[in-house]
Amino acid sequence: SGSSDPYCVVKVDNEVVARTATVWKSLNPFWGEEITLLLPRGFHSLAIYVMDEDAIGQDDVIGKVSLSQQQISAEPRGIDSWLSLAPVSPDQEVQGEIHLELWVPEQGHPRVLRCHLIEAR
C-alpha cells in the first residue's frame, strides 16, 4: 500500500524490555520516546526492531539495529546518529534507518542506559 504502521521493540539479550507507540500510515515515523533501561550485569547486546503493525495476522519485521555491549561502552559520550537497519533473515531486503540517542547518565548507575528512539525513514 506504500505505507507502514511502524513501531519499535527494544530487546536486551533477546528479551523484550520496551515498545514504542505505533505511528499509523507513515514511512517516516517520529516517536520521540525516551526509555530508561536497567541493563543486567554482563549483558551482551541491545537490539531495536522496527516493526510494521498488521491488523490481521502477525506483525512484520521491517529491520533491526543491534549494538553490542562493547559498541555501547566504546562511546563514552553516547551515540546520537542515524543507523542503517539490518535484515532479520538472510533472504530479506531492508531499506531504511533509525535515529537513536543512547547514553549512560553521568551520575547514574553504570548499568542504566537512556535510550531515545527519535524517528525513522
Protein backbone atom coordinates (compact mmCIF):
# COMPACT_ATOMS: atom_id res chain seq x y z
CA SER A 1 0.00 0.00 0.00
CA GLY A 2 3.04 2.28 0.11
CA SER A 3 2.79 2.95 3.82
CA SER A 4 3.51 1.22 7.11
CA ASP A 5 2.30 1.30 10.68
CA PRO A 6 5.72 1.26 12.35
CA TYR A 7 6.67 0.83 15.98
CA CYS A 8 9.87 -0.21 17.75
CA VAL A 9 10.59 -3.07 20.10
CA VAL A 10 13.68 -2.85 22.31
CA LYS A 11 15.35 -6.10 23.33
CA VAL A 12 18.21 -6.67 25.75
CA ASP A 13 19.83 -10.06 25.16
CA ASN A 14 16.77 -11.13 23.16
CA GLU A 15 14.27 -10.23 25.89
CA VAL A 16 11.67 -7.55 25.09
CA VAL A 17 12.07 -4.66 27.56
CA ALA A 18 10.18 -1.83 25.83
CA ARG A 19 7.85 -0.94 22.95
CA THR A 20 7.03 2.41 21.37
CA ALA A 21 3.64 3.60 20.23
CA THR A 22 2.59 2.76 16.67
CA VAL A 23 2.74 5.58 14.13
CA TRP A 24 -0.10 4.91 11.69
CA LYS A 25 0.32 5.14 7.91
CA SER A 26 3.88 6.50 7.83
CA LEU A 27 7.17 5.72 6.11
CA ASN A 28 8.89 8.47 8.15
CA PRO A 29 7.63 7.86 11.69
CA PHE A 30 8.51 10.16 14.58
CA TRP A 31 8.35 8.54 18.02
CA GLY A 32 10.38 10.86 20.24
CA GLU A 33 10.15 8.30 23.05
CA GLU A 34 12.77 8.10 25.77
CA ILE A 35 13.23 4.85 27.67
CA THR A 36 15.42 4.15 30.68
CA LEU A 37 16.83 0.64 30.64
CA LEU A 38 18.39 -1.16 33.58
CA LEU A 39 20.87 -3.48 31.92
CA PRO A 40 21.55 -6.84 33.54
CA ARG A 41 25.08 -7.48 34.78
CA GLY A 42 27.12 -8.95 31.92
CA PHE A 43 24.56 -8.15 29.20
CA HIS A 44 25.72 -8.78 25.64
CA SER A 45 23.56 -6.84 23.22
CA LEU A 46 20.84 -4.27 22.72
CA ALA A 47 18.61 -4.65 19.65
CA ILE A 48 15.96 -2.31 18.33
CA TYR A 49 13.47 -3.88 15.94
CA VAL A 50 11.37 -1.67 13.68
CA MET A 51 8.06 -3.47 13.18
CA ASP A 52 5.03 -2.95 10.94
CA GLU A 53 1.77 -3.47 12.83
CA ASP A 54 -0.77 -5.56 10.94
CA ALA A 55 -4.46 -5.66 11.87
CA ILE A 56 -4.72 -9.24 10.62
CA GLY A 57 -2.04 -11.85 11.24
CA GLN A 58 1.42 -11.32 12.64
CA ASP A 59 3.28 -8.01 12.63
CA ASP A 60 6.13 -7.81 10.09
CA VAL A 61 9.72 -7.02 10.95
CA ILE A 62 10.97 -4.11 8.82
CA GLY A 63 14.55 -4.36 10.11
CA LYS A 64 16.73 -4.09 13.18
CA VAL A 65 19.74 -2.36 14.67
CA SER A 66 21.96 -4.37 17.01
CA LEU A 67 24.61 -2.91 19.28
CA SER A 68 26.94 -5.00 21.40
CA GLN A 69 27.85 -4.07 24.94
CA GLN A 70 31.35 -3.25 23.61
CA GLN A 71 29.98 -0.87 20.94
CA ILE A 72 27.90 0.98 23.52
CA SER A 73 30.69 1.27 26.10
CA ALA A 74 33.19 2.37 23.41
CA GLU A 75 31.25 5.66 23.11
CA PRO A 76 31.70 7.45 26.47
CA ARG A 77 29.67 10.45 25.26
CA GLY A 78 26.96 8.16 23.97
CA ILE A 79 25.58 7.56 20.50
CA ASP A 80 23.48 10.08 18.57
CA SER A 81 23.19 9.08 14.94
CA TRP A 82 21.21 7.57 12.10
CA LEU A 83 21.87 3.82 11.99
CA SER A 84 21.01 1.67 8.98
CA LEU A 85 18.50 -1.10 9.52
CA ALA A 86 19.82 -4.62 9.00
CA PRO A 87 17.75 -7.59 7.81
CA VAL A 88 16.47 -10.07 10.38
CA SER A 89 16.60 -13.01 7.96
CA PRO A 90 19.18 -13.55 5.17
CA ASP A 91 16.61 -13.53 2.35
CA GLN A 92 15.13 -10.19 3.44
CA GLU A 93 15.91 -6.89 1.73
CA VAL A 94 15.90 -3.87 4.00
CA GLN A 95 15.92 -0.16 3.31
CA GLY A 96 15.78 2.48 5.97
CA GLU A 97 17.45 3.86 9.03
CA ILE A 98 16.58 4.88 12.55
CA HIS A 99 17.72 7.94 14.52
CA LEU A 100 18.77 6.94 18.03
CA GLU A 101 20.40 8.53 21.04
CA LEU A 102 21.92 6.24 23.66
CA TRP A 103 23.81 7.41 26.71
CA VAL A 104 24.67 6.48 30.28
CA PRO A 105 23.65 9.24 32.71
CA GLU A 106 26.87 10.61 34.23
CA GLN A 107 25.96 10.43 37.90
CA GLY A 108 23.85 7.39 37.26
CA HIS A 109 24.19 3.73 37.86
CA PRO A 110 26.74 2.12 35.49
CA ARG A 111 24.14 -0.26 34.09
CA VAL A 112 21.46 2.36 33.40
CA LEU A 113 21.11 3.27 29.74
CA ARG A 114 18.93 6.08 28.41
CA CYS A 115 17.53 5.21 25.01
CA HIS A 116 15.85 7.92 22.92
CA LEU A 117 14.02 6.46 19.90
CA ILE A 118 13.60 9.56 17.78
CA GLU A 119 12.49 8.75 14.24
CA ALA A 120 12.99 6.54 11.21
CA ARG A 121 12.98 6.89 7.46
